[in-house]
Each structure stands twice: as C-alpha cells, then as structure tokens.
Amino acid sequence: MRLLIAYDGSTCADAALDDLRRAGLARELDATVLSVADAWLPPGEAEAPLSPPPTILDEIYAHSLAALGDARQLAARGADRLRRLFPVWRVQAEGVADSPAWAIVKKAESWAADLVVVGSHGRGALGRALFGSVSHKLLGELRRSVRLGRASERAPTRPCNSSSASTAPPTRCTRRRRQRRGPGPPAALCSSSRSSIRAC
C-alpha cells in the first residue's frame, strides 16, 4: 500500500498524522510525506525566450529556492513524526515548489498512491470556504481515496460495542449512536461516564 501525506507543518497537519493511528491501515506500507512551497522556479533560458530581466529572475529564483528549502525541512519534520508513530512503515520525505493542490495531485497520480492524507483547516462556515482552496480541489481532481484530518478541541471518540459496554461497568456508555456499516451487527459509538471522552 502507498500512502501520500500532504504536510504543511500546521496543527491540522500534525493532527492528520496522529489520527492515522485510528485509520486501520496496514502494519507495513510505503509512505511519502510531501510538503509544497507555493513558489515558481524559473524555467531554463531555452524554454523562456521572453523571460523577465535577469535581476528580477535572480530575485524570484532566490526566493523560490529558500521556500523550497523550507518545504524540504517541513517534509523531513513530518516524516520524523510519522516514523515515531509507525516505526515499521517505510517513510520518505519530499519537498517541491509548485501550486500546492496540483503538486499533490501530480504526485498522487504519478506515484499511484492508494490513499492521500491532507489536513483541513476548516472550522465553521468561513473555515469551510477557505478549506476549498486546496482540499476541495483535491477531492475534485484526484482519482484516489482522500482522508481529511483536522485538529479538534474535543476529546477523541471512543469506539465500543454493546457487549463491551455492558460487561465493563467502569467504562459504562452514557451515550450511544448505532451506525449500520453493511452486513453484520451495527457498530456503536459511545462516550464514557468515567472520562472526558465524548462522541462526535
């Protein structure tokens, strides 16, 4: 399995990494942490006969190289975090300069990623509008499965089934939502009266 993780160093991106522990993924897989510098690297002289003056190109090039260096450092940081979470995974880091959404799409398609993970910054109506800039483009353009993760101020949910709820008094369920997921018994998502765990 190939897992592509878009990482920008934000709290949401870190939360998306941490949330992979609950994703039910394979114990061993190949993962690439991709960070994208939203920058433009000038093409070669032969490719751009009508290019801007050299001084302007030099400034753009220097800025883009600095941004690319930052992206590579971010990718390395995200890869280190992922290795700590999943020591068995084969993890590599990659930083590129491009339009963020298109860089992720191109990498996912060329590498044949099975799953793309991206952090969402959206909270509320305004957040959902801003979230569209990258995440919506990925959902619209990618022919791959996409997992969106974001930081939450609430405690994590705790899955359980009815038998574990009834036989374990210390973690008695006080709220339960049944969810049918196909053949077999429905799953129950509940909160514990003993802790601050709450259902979504």
N, C-alpha and C. Protein backbone atom coordinates (compact mmCIF):
# COMPACT_ATOMS: atom_id res chain seq x y z
N MET A 1 0.84 -1.20 0.00
CA MET A 1 0.00 0.00 0.00
C MET A 1 0.87 1.24 0.00
N ARG A 2 0.43 2.26 -0.74
CA ARG A 2 1.17 3.52 -0.82
C ARG A 2 0.32 4.66 -0.24
N LEU A 3 0.91 5.35 0.70
CA LEU A 3 0.22 6.43 1.41
C LEU A 3 0.95 7.74 1.15
N LEU A 4 0.23 8.72 0.60
CA LEU A 4 0.79 10.05 0.35
C LEU A 4 0.19 11.03 1.35
N ILE A 5 1.05 11.72 2.09
CA ILE A 5 0.60 12.65 3.12
C ILE A 5 1.05 14.05 2.77
N ALA A 6 0.10 14.94 2.55
CA ALA A 6 0.41 16.35 2.30
C ALA A 6 0.60 17.03 3.65
N TYR A 7 1.77 17.62 3.85
CA TYR A 7 2.12 18.14 5.18
C TYR A 7 2.63 19.57 5.08
N ASP A 8 2.01 20.48 5.84
CA ASP A 8 2.45 21.88 5.84
C ASP A 8 2.93 22.36 7.20
N GLY A 9 3.07 21.44 8.15
CA GLY A 9 3.58 21.81 9.46
C GLY A 9 2.56 22.42 10.40
N SER A 10 1.31 22.56 9.98
CA SER A 10 0.29 23.17 10.82
C SER A 10 -0.22 22.19 11.87
N THR A 11 -0.99 22.73 12.82
CA THR A 11 -1.62 21.89 13.83
C THR A 11 -2.54 20.86 13.19
N CYS A 12 -3.25 21.29 12.14
CA CYS A 12 -4.15 20.37 11.45
C CYS A 12 -3.39 19.25 10.75
N ALA A 13 -2.24 19.59 10.18
CA ALA A 13 -1.43 18.57 9.52
C ALA A 13 -0.89 17.56 10.53
N ASP A 14 -0.46 18.05 11.70
CA ASP A 14 0.01 17.15 12.75
C ASP A 14 -1.14 16.26 13.25
N ALA A 15 -2.33 16.85 13.37
CA ALA A 15 -3.49 16.08 13.81
C ALA A 15 -3.84 14.99 12.80
N ALA A 16 -3.68 15.31 11.50
CA ALA A 16 -3.96 14.31 10.46
C ALA A 16 -2.99 13.13 10.58
N LEU A 17 -1.72 13.43 10.91
CA LEU A 17 -0.75 12.35 11.12
C LEU A 17 -1.13 11.50 12.33
N ASP A 18 -1.42 12.17 13.44
CA ASP A 18 -1.76 11.45 14.67
C ASP A 18 -3.01 10.59 14.49
N ASP A 19 -3.96 11.11 13.71
CA ASP A 19 -5.23 10.41 13.53
C ASP A 19 -5.07 9.13 12.72
N LEU A 20 -3.95 8.97 12.04
CA LEU A 20 -3.73 7.74 11.27
C LEU A 20 -3.66 6.51 12.16
N ARG A 21 -3.42 6.71 13.46
CA ARG A 21 -3.41 5.57 14.38
C ARG A 21 -4.78 4.92 14.48
N ARG A 22 -5.82 5.66 14.09
CA ARG A 22 -7.18 5.12 14.15
C ARG A 22 -7.74 4.79 12.77
N ALA A 23 -6.87 4.81 11.76
CA ALA A 23 -7.33 4.64 10.38
C ALA A 23 -7.42 3.18 9.95
N GLY A 24 -6.90 2.27 10.75
CA GLY A 24 -6.96 0.86 10.39
C GLY A 24 -6.11 0.50 9.19
N LEU A 25 -4.96 1.18 9.04
CA LEU A 25 -4.09 0.93 7.89
C LEU A 25 -3.21 -0.29 8.12
N ALA A 26 -2.58 -0.74 7.05
CA ALA A 26 -1.71 -1.91 7.13
C ALA A 26 -0.54 -1.64 8.07
N ARG A 27 -0.04 -2.69 8.68
CA ARG A 27 1.08 -2.52 9.61
C ARG A 27 2.35 -2.11 8.86
N GLU A 28 2.51 -2.60 7.64
CA GLU A 28 3.66 -2.23 6.83
C GLU A 28 3.17 -1.61 5.53
N LEU A 29 3.70 -0.44 5.21
CA LEU A 29 3.35 0.23 3.96
C LEU A 29 4.41 1.25 3.60
N ASP A 30 4.30 1.80 2.39
CA ASP A 30 5.20 2.86 1.93
C ASP A 30 4.49 4.19 2.07
N ALA A 31 5.12 5.14 2.75
CA ALA A 31 4.51 6.45 2.96
C ALA A 31 5.47 7.55 2.49
N THR A 32 4.91 8.54 1.80
CA THR A 32 5.67 9.72 1.39
C THR A 32 5.03 10.94 2.02
N VAL A 33 5.83 11.72 2.74
CA VAL A 33 5.36 12.98 3.31
C VAL A 33 5.77 14.08 2.34
N LEU A 34 4.79 14.76 1.77
CA LEU A 34 5.04 15.77 0.74
C LEU A 34 4.72 17.17 1.26
N SER A 35 5.69 18.07 1.19
CA SER A 35 5.47 19.47 1.53
C SER A 35 5.70 20.30 0.27
N VAL A 36 4.83 21.28 0.04
CA VAL A 36 4.87 22.04 -1.20
C VAL A 36 5.11 23.52 -0.91
N ALA A 37 6.14 24.07 -1.54
CA ALA A 37 6.38 25.51 -1.48
C ALA A 37 5.57 26.15 -2.60
N ASP A 38 4.68 27.05 -2.24
CA ASP A 38 3.87 27.73 -3.25
C ASP A 38 4.74 28.78 -3.92
N ALA A 39 5.63 28.33 -4.78
CA ALA A 39 6.63 29.21 -5.39
C ALA A 39 6.86 28.78 -6.83
N TRP A 40 7.49 29.67 -7.59
CA TRP A 40 7.75 29.43 -9.01
C TRP A 40 9.24 29.41 -9.25
N LEU A 41 9.72 28.31 -9.81
CA LEU A 41 11.13 28.24 -10.20
C LEU A 41 11.23 28.54 -11.69
N PRO A 42 11.98 29.58 -12.08
CA PRO A 42 12.06 29.96 -13.50
C PRO A 42 12.56 28.82 -14.37
N PRO A 43 12.01 28.69 -15.58
CA PRO A 43 12.50 27.65 -16.49
C PRO A 43 13.85 28.02 -17.06
N GLY A 44 14.46 27.10 -17.79
CA GLY A 44 15.74 27.37 -18.42
C GLY A 44 15.61 28.43 -19.50
N GLU A 45 16.71 29.01 -19.89
CA GLU A 45 16.70 30.10 -20.86
C GLU A 45 16.09 29.66 -22.19
N ALA A 46 16.35 28.43 -22.60
CA ALA A 46 15.82 27.94 -23.87
C ALA A 46 14.30 27.80 -23.83
N GLU A 47 13.76 27.60 -22.64
CA GLU A 47 12.32 27.42 -22.51
C GLU A 47 11.59 28.75 -22.36
N ALA A 48 12.31 29.81 -22.10
CA ALA A 48 11.66 31.11 -21.84
C ALA A 48 12.40 32.22 -22.58
N PRO A 49 12.25 32.31 -23.91
CA PRO A 49 12.95 33.35 -24.67
C PRO A 49 12.48 34.75 -24.32
N LEU A 50 11.24 34.89 -23.81
CA LEU A 50 10.71 36.20 -23.44
C LEU A 50 10.66 36.34 -21.92
N SER A 51 11.71 35.94 -21.27
CA SER A 51 11.75 35.96 -19.81
C SER A 51 11.98 37.36 -19.28
N PRO A 52 11.65 37.61 -17.99
CA PRO A 52 11.90 38.92 -17.37
C PRO A 52 13.40 39.21 -17.31
N PRO A 53 13.76 40.45 -16.98
CA PRO A 53 15.18 40.81 -16.85
C PRO A 53 15.89 39.91 -15.85
N PRO A 54 17.19 39.67 -16.05
CA PRO A 54 17.94 38.75 -15.17
C PRO A 54 17.87 39.10 -13.70
N THR A 55 17.88 40.40 -13.36
CA THR A 55 17.87 40.76 -11.94
C THR A 55 16.57 40.32 -11.26
N ILE A 56 15.46 40.48 -11.97
CA ILE A 56 14.17 40.05 -11.40
C ILE A 56 14.13 38.53 -11.28
N LEU A 57 14.63 37.85 -12.31
CA LEU A 57 14.68 36.40 -12.26
C LEU A 57 15.54 35.91 -11.10
N ASP A 58 16.65 36.60 -10.87
CA ASP A 58 17.53 36.21 -9.77
C ASP A 58 16.82 36.31 -8.44
N GLU A 59 16.05 37.39 -8.26
CA GLU A 59 15.32 37.57 -7.00
C GLU A 59 14.25 36.49 -6.83
N ILE A 60 13.52 36.23 -7.92
CA ILE A 60 12.48 35.20 -7.86
C ILE A 60 13.09 33.84 -7.57
N TYR A 61 14.20 33.58 -8.24
CA TYR A 61 14.85 32.29 -8.08
C TYR A 61 15.36 32.10 -6.65
N ALA A 62 15.95 33.15 -6.09
CA ALA A 62 16.47 33.07 -4.72
C ALA A 62 15.33 32.85 -3.73
N HIS A 63 14.22 33.57 -3.93
CA HIS A 63 13.06 33.42 -3.05
C HIS A 63 12.49 32.00 -3.15
N SER A 64 12.39 31.51 -4.38
CA SER A 64 11.81 30.18 -4.60
C SER A 64 12.70 29.09 -4.01
N LEU A 65 14.01 29.26 -4.15
CA LEU A 65 14.92 28.27 -3.58
C LEU A 65 14.82 28.24 -2.05
N ALA A 66 14.67 29.43 -1.45
CA ALA A 66 14.52 29.48 0.01
C ALA A 66 13.22 28.79 0.44
N ALA A 67 12.14 29.05 -0.31
CA ALA A 67 10.86 28.42 0.01
C ALA A 67 10.93 26.91 -0.18
N LEU A 68 11.65 26.48 -1.21
CA LEU A 68 11.81 25.05 -1.45
C LEU A 68 12.60 24.39 -0.32
N GLY A 69 13.62 25.08 0.17
CA GLY A 69 14.38 24.56 1.31
C GLY A 69 13.51 24.41 2.54
N ASP A 70 12.63 25.40 2.77
CA ASP A 70 11.71 25.31 3.91
C ASP A 70 10.76 24.12 3.75
N ALA A 71 10.28 23.91 2.52
CA ALA A 71 9.36 22.80 2.26
C ALA A 71 10.04 21.46 2.53
N ARG A 72 11.29 21.35 2.14
CA ARG A 72 12.02 20.10 2.39
C ARG A 72 12.24 19.86 3.87
N GLN A 73 12.49 20.94 4.62
CA GLN A 73 12.64 20.79 6.06
C GLN A 73 11.32 20.37 6.71
N LEU A 74 10.23 20.97 6.24
CA LEU A 74 8.90 20.60 6.76
C LEU A 74 8.60 19.13 6.49
N ALA A 75 8.89 18.70 5.27
CA ALA A 75 8.64 17.30 4.91
C ALA A 75 9.45 16.36 5.80
N ALA A 76 10.71 16.73 6.05
CA ALA A 76 11.56 15.91 6.91
C ALA A 76 11.01 15.85 8.33
N ARG A 77 10.49 16.99 8.81
CA ARG A 77 9.92 17.02 10.16
C ARG A 77 8.67 16.14 10.24
N GLY A 78 7.82 16.24 9.21
CA GLY A 78 6.62 15.40 9.19
C GLY A 78 6.96 13.92 9.10
N ALA A 79 8.00 13.61 8.31
CA ALA A 79 8.42 12.21 8.17
C ALA A 79 8.96 11.67 9.49
N ASP A 80 9.69 12.50 10.22
CA ASP A 80 10.20 12.08 11.53
C ASP A 80 9.05 11.79 12.49
N ARG A 81 8.05 12.65 12.47
CA ARG A 81 6.89 12.44 13.35
C ARG A 81 6.18 11.13 12.98
N LEU A 82 6.04 10.89 11.67
CA LEU A 82 5.36 9.69 11.22
C LEU A 82 6.15 8.43 11.59
N ARG A 83 7.47 8.50 11.50
CA ARG A 83 8.30 7.33 11.87
C ARG A 83 8.16 7.01 13.35
N ARG A 84 8.01 8.04 14.18
CA ARG A 84 7.82 7.79 15.61
C ARG A 84 6.47 7.11 15.87
N LEU A 85 5.47 7.49 15.09
CA LEU A 85 4.14 6.90 15.26
C LEU A 85 4.08 5.48 14.71
N PHE A 86 4.78 5.26 13.58
CA PHE A 86 4.73 3.97 12.90
C PHE A 86 6.15 3.53 12.53
N PRO A 87 6.88 2.97 13.47
CA PRO A 87 8.29 2.63 13.24
C PRO A 87 8.52 1.62 12.11
N VAL A 88 7.51 0.81 11.81
CA VAL A 88 7.68 -0.23 10.79
C VAL A 88 7.47 0.30 9.37
N TRP A 89 6.76 1.40 9.24
CA TRP A 89 6.48 1.94 7.91
C TRP A 89 7.76 2.40 7.22
N ARG A 90 7.77 2.28 5.90
CA ARG A 90 8.86 2.81 5.09
C ARG A 90 8.48 4.24 4.69
N VAL A 91 9.13 5.21 5.32
CA VAL A 91 8.73 6.62 5.18
C VAL A 91 9.82 7.41 4.48
N GLN A 92 9.42 8.22 3.51
CA GLN A 92 10.34 9.14 2.86
C GLN A 92 9.74 10.54 2.83
N ALA A 93 10.59 11.54 2.74
CA ALA A 93 10.16 12.94 2.72
C ALA A 93 10.48 13.55 1.36
N GLU A 94 9.60 14.44 0.92
CA GLU A 94 9.81 15.10 -0.37
C GLU A 94 9.28 16.52 -0.31
N GLY A 95 10.09 17.48 -0.75
CA GLY A 95 9.66 18.87 -0.83
C GLY A 95 9.76 19.35 -2.26
N VAL A 96 8.72 20.05 -2.74
CA VAL A 96 8.70 20.54 -4.11
C VAL A 96 8.20 21.97 -4.14
N ALA A 97 8.47 22.66 -5.25
CA ALA A 97 7.96 24.02 -5.48
C ALA A 97 6.93 23.95 -6.59
N ASP A 98 5.70 24.33 -6.26
CA ASP A 98 4.61 24.21 -7.24
C ASP A 98 3.35 24.78 -6.61
N SER A 99 2.27 24.76 -7.36
CA SER A 99 0.97 25.06 -6.78
C SER A 99 0.60 23.90 -5.86
N PRO A 100 0.27 24.15 -4.58
CA PRO A 100 0.08 23.05 -3.63
C PRO A 100 -0.86 21.95 -4.09
N ALA A 101 -2.06 22.32 -4.53
CA ALA A 101 -3.03 21.29 -4.91
C ALA A 101 -2.54 20.47 -6.09
N TRP A 102 -2.00 21.15 -7.10
CA TRP A 102 -1.57 20.41 -8.29
C TRP A 102 -0.35 19.55 -8.00
N ALA A 103 0.52 20.01 -7.13
CA ALA A 103 1.68 19.20 -6.77
C ALA A 103 1.24 17.89 -6.11
N ILE A 104 0.23 17.99 -5.25
CA ILE A 104 -0.28 16.79 -4.57
C ILE A 104 -0.95 15.85 -5.58
N VAL A 105 -1.75 16.44 -6.48
CA VAL A 105 -2.42 15.63 -7.50
C VAL A 105 -1.41 14.91 -8.38
N LYS A 106 -0.40 15.65 -8.85
CA LYS A 106 0.60 15.05 -9.74
C LYS A 106 1.38 13.94 -9.05
N LYS A 107 1.75 14.16 -7.80
CA LYS A 107 2.50 13.14 -7.06
C LYS A 107 1.63 11.91 -6.82
N ALA A 108 0.38 12.14 -6.43
CA ALA A 108 -0.52 11.02 -6.15
C ALA A 108 -0.73 10.16 -7.39
N GLU A 109 -0.89 10.80 -8.54
CA GLU A 109 -1.14 10.04 -9.76
C GLU A 109 0.13 9.37 -10.28
N SER A 110 1.24 10.10 -10.29
CA SER A 110 2.48 9.52 -10.83
C SER A 110 3.01 8.39 -9.95
N TRP A 111 2.78 8.50 -8.64
CA TRP A 111 3.28 7.50 -7.69
C TRP A 111 2.25 6.39 -7.46
N ALA A 112 1.04 6.58 -8.00
CA ALA A 112 -0.06 5.63 -7.82
C ALA A 112 -0.37 5.40 -6.34
N ALA A 113 -0.58 6.51 -5.63
CA ALA A 113 -0.90 6.41 -4.20
C ALA A 113 -2.26 5.77 -4.01
N ASP A 114 -2.37 4.91 -3.01
CA ASP A 114 -3.65 4.29 -2.68
C ASP A 114 -4.52 5.19 -1.82
N LEU A 115 -3.88 6.04 -1.02
CA LEU A 115 -4.60 6.94 -0.12
C LEU A 115 -3.81 8.23 0.03
N VAL A 116 -4.53 9.36 -0.06
CA VAL A 116 -3.92 10.68 0.14
C VAL A 116 -4.48 11.27 1.42
N VAL A 117 -3.60 11.72 2.30
CA VAL A 117 -4.00 12.29 3.58
C VAL A 117 -3.65 13.78 3.57
N VAL A 118 -4.62 14.60 3.95
CA VAL A 118 -4.39 16.04 3.99
C VAL A 118 -5.11 16.62 5.20
N GLY A 119 -4.51 17.62 5.83
CA GLY A 119 -5.14 18.29 6.96
C GLY A 119 -6.06 19.38 6.48
N SER A 120 -7.21 19.50 7.10
CA SER A 120 -8.17 20.54 6.76
C SER A 120 -8.16 21.61 7.84
N HIS A 121 -8.14 22.87 7.41
CA HIS A 121 -8.15 23.98 8.36
C HIS A 121 -9.56 24.49 8.61
N GLY A 122 -10.56 23.87 7.99
CA GLY A 122 -11.91 24.40 8.04
C GLY A 122 -12.59 24.26 9.38
N ARG A 123 -13.16 25.36 9.87
CA ARG A 123 -13.99 25.35 11.08
C ARG A 123 -15.12 26.33 10.86
N GLY A 124 -16.33 25.83 10.88
CA GLY A 124 -17.47 26.68 10.66
C GLY A 124 -17.62 27.07 9.20
N ALA A 125 -18.55 27.99 8.91
CA ALA A 125 -18.85 28.37 7.53
C ALA A 125 -17.65 29.00 6.84
N LEU A 126 -16.98 29.94 7.53
CA LEU A 126 -15.82 30.59 6.93
C LEU A 126 -14.70 29.59 6.71
N GLY A 127 -14.50 28.72 7.67
CA GLY A 127 -13.46 27.70 7.53
C GLY A 127 -13.72 26.80 6.35
N ARG A 128 -14.98 26.44 6.13
CA ARG A 128 -15.29 25.56 5.01
C ARG A 128 -15.05 26.27 3.69
N ALA A 129 -15.26 27.60 3.65
CA ALA A 129 -14.99 28.35 2.43
C ALA A 129 -13.50 28.38 2.14
N LEU A 130 -12.69 28.64 3.17
CA LEU A 130 -11.25 28.69 2.99
C LEU A 130 -10.69 27.30 2.68
N PHE A 131 -11.32 26.30 3.26
CA PHE A 131 -10.87 24.93 3.08
C PHE A 131 -10.92 24.52 1.62
N GLY A 132 -11.76 25.20 0.83
CA GLY A 132 -11.91 24.82 -0.56
C GLY A 132 -10.69 25.03 -1.42
N SER A 133 -9.79 25.90 -1.02
CA SER A 133 -8.66 26.25 -1.88
C SER A 133 -7.80 25.06 -2.25
N VAL A 134 -7.51 24.19 -1.33
CA VAL A 134 -6.68 23.02 -1.63
C VAL A 134 -7.49 21.73 -1.51
N SER A 135 -8.15 21.54 -0.39
CA SER A 135 -8.84 20.28 -0.15
C SER A 135 -9.96 20.02 -1.16
N HIS A 136 -10.75 21.04 -1.48
CA HIS A 136 -11.81 20.84 -2.46
C HIS A 136 -11.24 20.51 -3.83
N LYS A 137 -10.14 21.13 -4.18
CA LYS A 137 -9.52 20.83 -5.47
C LYS A 137 -9.05 19.38 -5.50
N LEU A 138 -8.49 18.91 -4.39
CA LEU A 138 -8.05 17.52 -4.33
C LEU A 138 -9.22 16.57 -4.49
N LEU A 139 -10.31 16.86 -3.78
CA LEU A 139 -11.48 16.00 -3.86
C LEU A 139 -12.07 15.98 -5.26
N GLY A 140 -11.94 17.12 -5.98
CA GLY A 140 -12.50 17.20 -7.32
C GLY A 140 -11.61 16.61 -8.39
N GLU A 141 -10.30 16.66 -8.19
CA GLU A 141 -9.37 16.26 -9.24
C GLU A 141 -8.75 14.88 -9.04
N LEU A 142 -8.59 14.46 -7.81
CA LEU A 142 -7.90 13.20 -7.55
C LEU A 142 -8.77 11.99 -7.88
N ARG A 143 -8.17 10.99 -8.46
CA ARG A 143 -8.85 9.71 -8.68
C ARG A 143 -8.37 8.70 -7.64
N ARG A 144 -8.09 9.21 -6.46
CA ARG A 144 -7.59 8.39 -5.36
C ARG A 144 -8.46 8.63 -4.13
N SER A 145 -8.37 7.71 -3.19
CA SER A 145 -9.07 7.91 -1.92
C SER A 145 -8.37 9.03 -1.15
N VAL A 146 -9.16 9.89 -0.51
CA VAL A 146 -8.64 11.03 0.24
C VAL A 146 -9.14 10.97 1.67
N ARG A 147 -8.23 11.16 2.61
CA ARG A 147 -8.59 11.20 4.04
C ARG A 147 -8.29 12.60 4.55
N LEU A 148 -9.31 13.29 5.05
CA LEU A 148 -9.15 14.63 5.59
C LEU A 148 -9.08 14.56 7.10
N GLY A 149 -8.12 15.24 7.67
CA GLY A 149 -8.00 15.28 9.12
C GLY A 149 -7.82 16.71 9.59
N ARG A 150 -8.33 17.00 10.77
CA ARG A 150 -8.14 18.34 11.31
C ARG A 150 -8.10 18.27 12.83
N ALA A 151 -7.49 19.28 13.41
CA ALA A 151 -7.39 19.34 14.87
C ALA A 151 -8.78 19.56 15.46
N SER A 152 -9.01 18.97 16.61
CA SER A 152 -10.29 19.10 17.29
C SER A 152 -10.06 19.53 18.72
N GLU A 153 -10.90 20.43 19.20
CA GLU A 153 -10.80 20.87 20.59
C GLU A 153 -11.49 19.89 21.53
N ARG A 154 -12.21 18.95 20.96
CA ARG A 154 -12.92 17.98 21.78
C ARG A 154 -12.05 16.76 22.01
N ALA A 155 -12.40 16.02 23.05
CA ALA A 155 -11.68 14.77 23.32
C ALA A 155 -11.97 13.78 22.22
N PRO A 156 -11.06 12.85 21.96
CA PRO A 156 -11.28 11.88 20.89
C PRO A 156 -12.43 10.94 21.18
N THR A 157 -13.04 10.43 20.11
CA THR A 157 -14.13 9.49 20.29
C THR A 157 -13.58 8.13 20.67
N ARG A 158 -14.43 7.33 21.31
CA ARG A 158 -14.01 6.00 21.73
C ARG A 158 -14.99 4.98 21.19
N PRO A 159 -14.57 4.14 20.23
CA PRO A 159 -15.48 3.13 19.70
C PRO A 159 -15.64 1.97 20.67
N CYS A 160 -16.83 1.39 20.74
CA CYS A 160 -17.05 0.21 21.56
C CYS A 160 -18.24 -0.53 21.00
N ASN A 161 -18.49 -1.72 21.46
CA ASN A 161 -19.70 -2.44 21.06
C ASN A 161 -20.57 -2.65 22.29
N SER A 162 -21.78 -3.11 22.04
CA SER A 162 -22.74 -3.20 23.15
C SER A 162 -22.29 -4.19 24.21
N SER A 163 -21.60 -5.26 23.81
CA SER A 163 -21.18 -6.24 24.81
C SER A 163 -20.11 -5.67 25.72
N SER A 164 -19.16 -4.90 25.14
CA SER A 164 -18.12 -4.33 26.00
C SER A 164 -18.70 -3.27 26.90
N ALA A 165 -19.74 -2.59 26.43
CA ALA A 165 -20.36 -1.56 27.25
C ALA A 165 -21.07 -2.18 28.45
N SER A 166 -21.68 -3.35 28.24
CA SER A 166 -22.47 -3.93 29.32
C SER A 166 -21.62 -4.74 30.30
N THR A 167 -20.45 -5.20 29.88
CA THR A 167 -19.63 -6.04 30.75
C THR A 167 -18.50 -5.27 31.42
N ALA A 168 -18.39 -3.99 31.14
CA ALA A 168 -17.30 -3.21 31.74
C ALA A 168 -17.89 -1.98 32.43
N PRO A 169 -18.40 -2.14 33.66
CA PRO A 169 -19.05 -1.04 34.38
C PRO A 169 -18.20 0.22 34.48
N PRO A 170 -16.86 0.14 34.71
CA PRO A 170 -16.09 1.37 34.85
C PRO A 170 -16.11 2.25 33.61
N THR A 171 -16.37 1.67 32.46
CA THR A 171 -16.41 2.48 31.24
C THR A 171 -17.80 2.42 30.64
N ARG A 172 -18.81 2.52 31.49
CA ARG A 172 -20.20 2.41 31.07
C ARG A 172 -20.54 3.49 30.04
N CYS A 173 -21.20 3.11 28.98
CA CYS A 173 -21.57 4.06 27.94
C CYS A 173 -22.77 4.88 28.39
N THR A 174 -22.68 6.17 28.25
CA THR A 174 -23.80 7.04 28.62
C THR A 174 -24.49 7.59 27.38
N ARG A 175 -23.86 7.49 26.23
CA ARG A 175 -24.46 7.99 25.01
C ARG A 175 -24.04 7.06 23.87
N ARG A 176 -24.97 6.65 23.07
CA ARG A 176 -24.65 5.67 22.04
C ARG A 176 -25.36 6.02 20.74
N ARG A 177 -24.63 5.88 19.64
CA ARG A 177 -25.24 6.10 18.34
C ARG A 177 -24.94 4.87 17.49
N ARG A 178 -25.98 4.18 17.07
CA ARG A 178 -25.78 2.98 16.26
C ARG A 178 -25.61 3.38 14.79
N GLN A 179 -24.72 2.67 14.14
CA GLN A 179 -24.40 3.02 12.77
C GLN A 179 -24.28 1.73 11.97
N ARG A 180 -25.11 1.56 10.95
CA ARG A 180 -25.09 0.36 10.12
C ARG A 180 -24.01 0.53 9.05
N ARG A 181 -23.07 -0.42 8.96
CA ARG A 181 -21.97 -0.32 8.01
C ARG A 181 -21.98 -1.48 7.01
N GLY A 182 -23.14 -2.04 6.74
CA GLY A 182 -23.22 -3.16 5.82
C GLY A 182 -23.60 -4.42 6.57
N PRO A 183 -23.24 -5.58 6.03
CA PRO A 183 -23.59 -6.85 6.67
C PRO A 183 -23.03 -6.94 8.08
N GLY A 184 -23.75 -7.61 8.94
CA GLY A 184 -23.29 -7.80 10.31
C GLY A 184 -23.96 -6.83 11.26
N PRO A 185 -23.66 -6.94 12.54
CA PRO A 185 -24.29 -6.10 13.55
C PRO A 185 -23.82 -4.66 13.44
N PRO A 186 -24.66 -3.70 13.84
CA PRO A 186 -24.26 -2.30 13.79
C PRO A 186 -23.18 -1.99 14.81
N ALA A 187 -22.36 -1.00 14.49
CA ALA A 187 -21.33 -0.56 15.43
C ALA A 187 -21.93 0.48 16.36
N ALA A 188 -21.37 0.62 17.53
CA ALA A 188 -21.85 1.62 18.48
C ALA A 188 -20.72 2.59 18.77
N LEU A 189 -21.03 3.88 18.74
CA LEU A 189 -20.07 4.91 19.08
C LEU A 189 -20.57 5.57 20.35
N CYS A 190 -19.77 5.54 21.40
CA CYS A 190 -20.30 5.99 22.68
C CYS A 190 -19.28 6.82 23.43
N SER A 191 -19.74 7.42 24.52
CA SER A 191 -18.84 8.16 25.40
C SER A 191 -18.78 7.46 26.75
N SER A 192 -17.75 7.74 27.49
CA SER A 192 -17.56 7.10 28.79
C SER A 192 -17.91 8.07 29.90
N SER A 193 -18.65 7.59 30.90
CA SER A 193 -19.01 8.45 32.02
C SER A 193 -17.84 8.66 32.96
N ARG A 194 -16.77 7.85 32.79
CA ARG A 194 -15.65 7.94 33.72
C ARG A 194 -14.63 8.97 33.27
N SER A 195 -14.63 9.32 32.00
CA SER A 195 -13.61 10.23 31.49
C SER A 195 -14.25 11.33 30.68
N SER A 196 -13.40 12.12 30.02
CA SER A 196 -13.89 13.24 29.22
C SER A 196 -14.11 12.84 27.78
N ILE A 197 -14.04 11.55 27.46
CA ILE A 197 -14.25 11.10 26.09
C ILE A 197 -15.69 11.36 25.69
N ARG A 198 -15.88 11.98 24.54
CA ARG A 198 -17.22 12.31 24.07
C ARG A 198 -17.38 11.84 22.64
N ALA A 199 -18.59 11.46 22.28
CA ALA A 199 -18.86 11.06 20.90
C ALA A 199 -19.00 12.29 20.03
N CYS A 200 -18.64 12.16 18.75
CA CYS A 200 -18.80 13.26 17.81
C CYS A 200 -20.28 13.54 17.62
